[in-house]
Amino acid sequence: MEEGTPDNEDRAELMDARAQFRDLYSEAQMILPDAVLEAAKSASVALGDAYGISKRPEIGKLWMVSGGGTESIAMAEHSAHVIVNNCIIHMRHMMRKDLGVSGSYR
């Protein structure tokens, strides 16, 4: 994003990853225990938010943020690298807890 508009290959790769996640998440909703499913739902929402933040600059529809500005590449990076990652760590912890192997693993 910092270097300009993504090319068709970049867009196709992102759409493929998004479709694969959507398929896996649909299957997971049928088999995950409730606590793990709640963690997976949080990760799904965070991924959706990160996707939106990354796509809106491309289409010229940036959202206003508190403090009076618009979304930025830095916000997209933070969303992907911090918020999504934290959701994944939490989901992994819940999965390990469900399996009875939880500990201090990160």
C-alpha atoms as a PDB file:
ATOM      1  CA  MET A   1       0.000   0.000   0.000  1.00  0.00           C
ATOM      2  CA  GLU A   2       2.824   2.411   0.769  1.00  0.00           C
ATOM      3  CA  GLU A   3       4.295   1.812  -2.676  1.00  0.00           C
ATOM      4  CA  GLY A   4       1.052   2.477  -4.547  1.00  0.00           C
ATOM      5  CA  THR A   5      -2.011   0.655  -5.742  1.00  0.00           C
ATOM      6  CA  PRO A   6      -1.900  -3.146  -5.486  1.00  0.00           C
ATOM      7  CA  ASP A   7      -1.707  -4.955  -8.821  1.00  0.00           C
ATOM      8  CA  ASN A   8      -4.134  -7.619 -10.008  1.00  0.00           C
ATOM      9  CA  GLU A   9      -1.929 -10.421  -8.647  1.00  0.00           C
ATOM     10  CA  ASP A  10      -1.946  -8.833  -5.174  1.00  0.00           C
ATOM     11  CA  ARG A  11      -5.723  -8.408  -5.286  1.00  0.00           C
ATOM     12  CA  ALA A  12      -6.229 -12.015  -6.435  1.00  0.00           C
ATOM     13  CA  GLU A  13      -3.978 -13.324  -3.655  1.00  0.00           C
ATOM     14  CA  LEU A  14      -5.892 -11.338  -1.030  1.00  0.00           C
ATOM     15  CA  MET A  15      -9.267 -12.457  -2.358  1.00  0.00           C
ATOM     16  CA  ASP A  16      -8.122 -16.089  -2.444  1.00  0.00           C
ATOM     17  CA  ALA A  17      -6.916 -15.915   1.165  1.00  0.00           C
ATOM     18  CA  ARG A  18     -10.169 -14.254   2.207  1.00  0.00           C
ATOM     19  CA  ALA A  19     -12.247 -16.946   0.470  1.00  0.00           C
ATOM     20  CA  GLN A  20     -10.189 -19.742   2.053  1.00  0.00           C
ATOM     21  CA  PHE A  21     -10.626 -18.199   5.500  1.00  0.00           C
ATOM     22  CA  ARG A  22     -14.373 -17.789   4.956  1.00  0.00           C
ATOM     23  CA  ASP A  23     -14.684 -21.477   3.988  1.00  0.00           C
ATOM     24  CA  LEU A  24     -12.643 -22.667   6.962  1.00  0.00           C
ATOM     25  CA  TYR A  25     -14.509 -20.399   9.356  1.00  0.00           C
ATOM     26  CA  SER A  26     -17.850 -21.700   8.067  1.00  0.00           C
ATOM     27  CA  GLU A  27     -16.743 -25.266   8.748  1.00  0.00           C
ATOM     28  CA  ALA A  28     -15.300 -24.337  12.141  1.00  0.00           C
ATOM     29  CA  GLN A  29     -18.609 -22.837  13.282  1.00  0.00           C
ATOM     30  CA  MET A  30     -20.126 -26.292  13.082  1.00  0.00           C
ATOM     31  CA  ILE A  31     -17.523 -28.117  15.175  1.00  0.00           C
ATOM     32  CA  LEU A  32     -15.779 -25.740  17.577  1.00  0.00           C
ATOM     33  CA  PRO A  33     -16.694 -25.707  21.261  1.00  0.00           C
ATOM     34  CA  ASP A  34     -18.386 -22.468  22.361  1.00  0.00           C
ATOM     35  CA  ALA A  35     -15.359 -20.843  24.034  1.00  0.00           C
ATOM     36  CA  VAL A  36     -13.113 -21.519  21.046  1.00  0.00           C
ATOM     37  CA  LEU A  37     -15.841 -20.354  18.661  1.00  0.00           C
ATOM     38  CA  GLU A  38     -16.109 -17.016  20.517  1.00  0.00           C
ATOM     39  CA  ALA A  39     -12.348 -16.553  20.157  1.00  0.00           C
ATOM     40  CA  ALA A  40     -12.556 -17.492  16.469  1.00  0.00           C
ATOM     41  CA  LYS A  41     -15.380 -14.995  16.017  1.00  0.00           C
ATOM     42  CA  SER A  42     -13.205 -12.233  17.509  1.00  0.00           C
ATOM     43  CA  ALA A  43     -10.383 -13.169  15.142  1.00  0.00           C
ATOM     44  CA  SER A  44     -12.796 -13.148  12.203  1.00  0.00           C
ATOM     45  CA  VAL A  45     -14.095  -9.691  13.118  1.00  0.00           C
ATOM     46  CA  ALA A  46     -10.538  -8.379  13.537  1.00  0.00           C
ATOM     47  CA  LEU A  47      -9.535  -9.809  10.155  1.00  0.00           C
ATOM     48  CA  GLY A  48     -12.591  -8.214   8.568  1.00  0.00           C
ATOM     49  CA  ASP A  49     -11.720  -4.862  10.123  1.00  0.00           C
ATOM     50  CA  ALA A  50      -8.108  -5.124   8.907  1.00  0.00           C
ATOM     51  CA  TYR A  51      -9.359  -6.022   5.434  1.00  0.00           C
ATOM     52  CA  GLY A  52     -11.642  -2.989   5.399  1.00  0.00           C
ATOM     53  CA  ILE A  53      -8.907  -0.638   6.550  1.00  0.00           C
ATOM     54  CA  SER A  54      -6.607  -1.983   3.843  1.00  0.00           C
ATOM     55  CA  LYS A  55      -9.206  -1.764   1.049  1.00  0.00           C
ATOM     56  CA  ARG A  56     -10.779   1.631   1.745  1.00  0.00           C
ATOM     57  CA  PRO A  57      -7.740   3.708   0.620  1.00  0.00           C
ATOM     58  CA  GLU A  58      -7.796   1.882  -2.705  1.00  0.00           C
ATOM     59  CA  ILE A  59     -11.406   2.863  -3.337  1.00  0.00           C
ATOM     60  CA  GLY A  60     -11.054   6.339  -1.814  1.00  0.00           C
ATOM     61  CA  LYS A  61     -13.512   5.851   1.054  1.00  0.00           C
ATOM     62  CA  LEU A  62     -11.414   6.413   4.173  1.00  0.00           C
ATOM     63  CA  TRP A  63     -13.291   6.542   7.456  1.00  0.00           C
ATOM     64  CA  MET A  64     -12.860   9.402   9.893  1.00  0.00           C
ATOM     65  CA  VAL A  65     -11.153   8.486  13.149  1.00  0.00           C
ATOM     66  CA  SER A  66     -11.254  10.061  16.589  1.00  0.00           C
ATOM     67  CA  GLY A  67      -8.964  13.032  16.845  1.00  0.00           C
ATOM     68  CA  GLY A  68     -10.016  14.313  13.439  1.00  0.00           C
ATOM     69  CA  GLY A  69      -8.225  12.449  10.724  1.00  0.00           C
ATOM     70  CA  THR A  70      -8.722   9.524   8.412  1.00  0.00           C
ATOM     71  CA  GLU A  71      -7.563   5.943   8.415  1.00  0.00           C
ATOM     72  CA  SER A  72      -3.947   5.420   7.460  1.00  0.00           C
ATOM     73  CA  ILE A  73      -1.534   2.729   6.375  1.00  0.00           C
ATOM     74  CA  ALA A  74      -0.130   2.779   9.913  1.00  0.00           C
ATOM     75  CA  MET A  75      -3.599   1.955  11.244  1.00  0.00           C
ATOM     76  CA  ALA A  76      -3.916  -0.938   8.801  1.00  0.00           C
ATOM     77  CA  GLU A  77      -0.526  -2.262   9.883  1.00  0.00           C
ATOM     78  CA  HIS A  78      -1.463  -1.928  13.567  1.00  0.00           C
ATOM     79  CA  SER A  79      -4.758  -3.691  12.953  1.00  0.00           C
ATOM     80  CA  ALA A  80      -3.068  -6.580  11.165  1.00  0.00           C
ATOM     81  CA  HIS A  81       0.034  -6.926  13.305  1.00  0.00           C
ATOM     82  CA  VAL A  82      -1.356  -6.183  16.759  1.00  0.00           C
ATOM     83  CA  ILE A  83      -5.113  -6.619  16.951  1.00  0.00           C
ATOM     84  CA  VAL A  84      -5.411  -9.653  14.657  1.00  0.00           C
ATOM     85  CA  ASN A  85      -2.308 -11.239  16.186  1.00  0.00           C
ATOM     86  CA  ASN A  86      -3.681 -10.798  19.719  1.00  0.00           C
ATOM     87  CA  CYS A  87      -6.963 -12.414  18.656  1.00  0.00           C
ATOM     88  CA  ILE A  88      -5.085 -15.353  17.154  1.00  0.00           C
ATOM     89  CA  ILE A  89      -2.996 -15.772  20.325  1.00  0.00           C
ATOM     90  CA  HIS A  90      -6.191 -15.770  22.412  1.00  0.00           C
ATOM     91  CA  MET A  91      -7.865 -18.264  20.068  1.00  0.00           C
ATOM     92  CA  ARG A  92      -4.835 -20.567  20.239  1.00  0.00           C
ATOM     93  CA  HIS A  93      -4.938 -20.365  24.055  1.00  0.00           C
ATOM     94  CA  MET A  94      -8.634 -21.271  24.079  1.00  0.00           C
ATOM     95  CA  MET A  95      -8.010 -24.189  21.734  1.00  0.00           C
ATOM     96  CA  ARG A  96      -5.192 -25.496  23.930  1.00  0.00           C
ATOM     97  CA  LYS A  97      -7.352 -25.036  27.033  1.00  0.00           C
ATOM     98  CA  ASP A  98     -10.149 -27.012  25.382  1.00  0.00           C
ATOM     99  CA  LEU A  99      -7.689 -29.788  24.586  1.00  0.00           C
ATOM    100  CA  GLY A 100      -6.429 -29.773  28.183  1.00  0.00           C
ATOM    101  CA  VAL A 101      -2.881 -28.802  27.220  1.00  0.00           C
ATOM    102  CA  SER A 102      -2.903 -25.114  28.135  1.00  0.00           C
ATOM    103  CA  GLY A 103       0.132 -23.550  29.681  1.00  0.00           C
ATOM    104  CA  SER A 104       2.316 -20.528  29.179  1.00  0.00           C
ATOM    105  CA  TYR A 105       2.952 -21.307  25.486  1.00  0.00           C
ATOM    106  CA  ARG A 106       2.607 -18.292  23.166  1.00  0.00           C
END
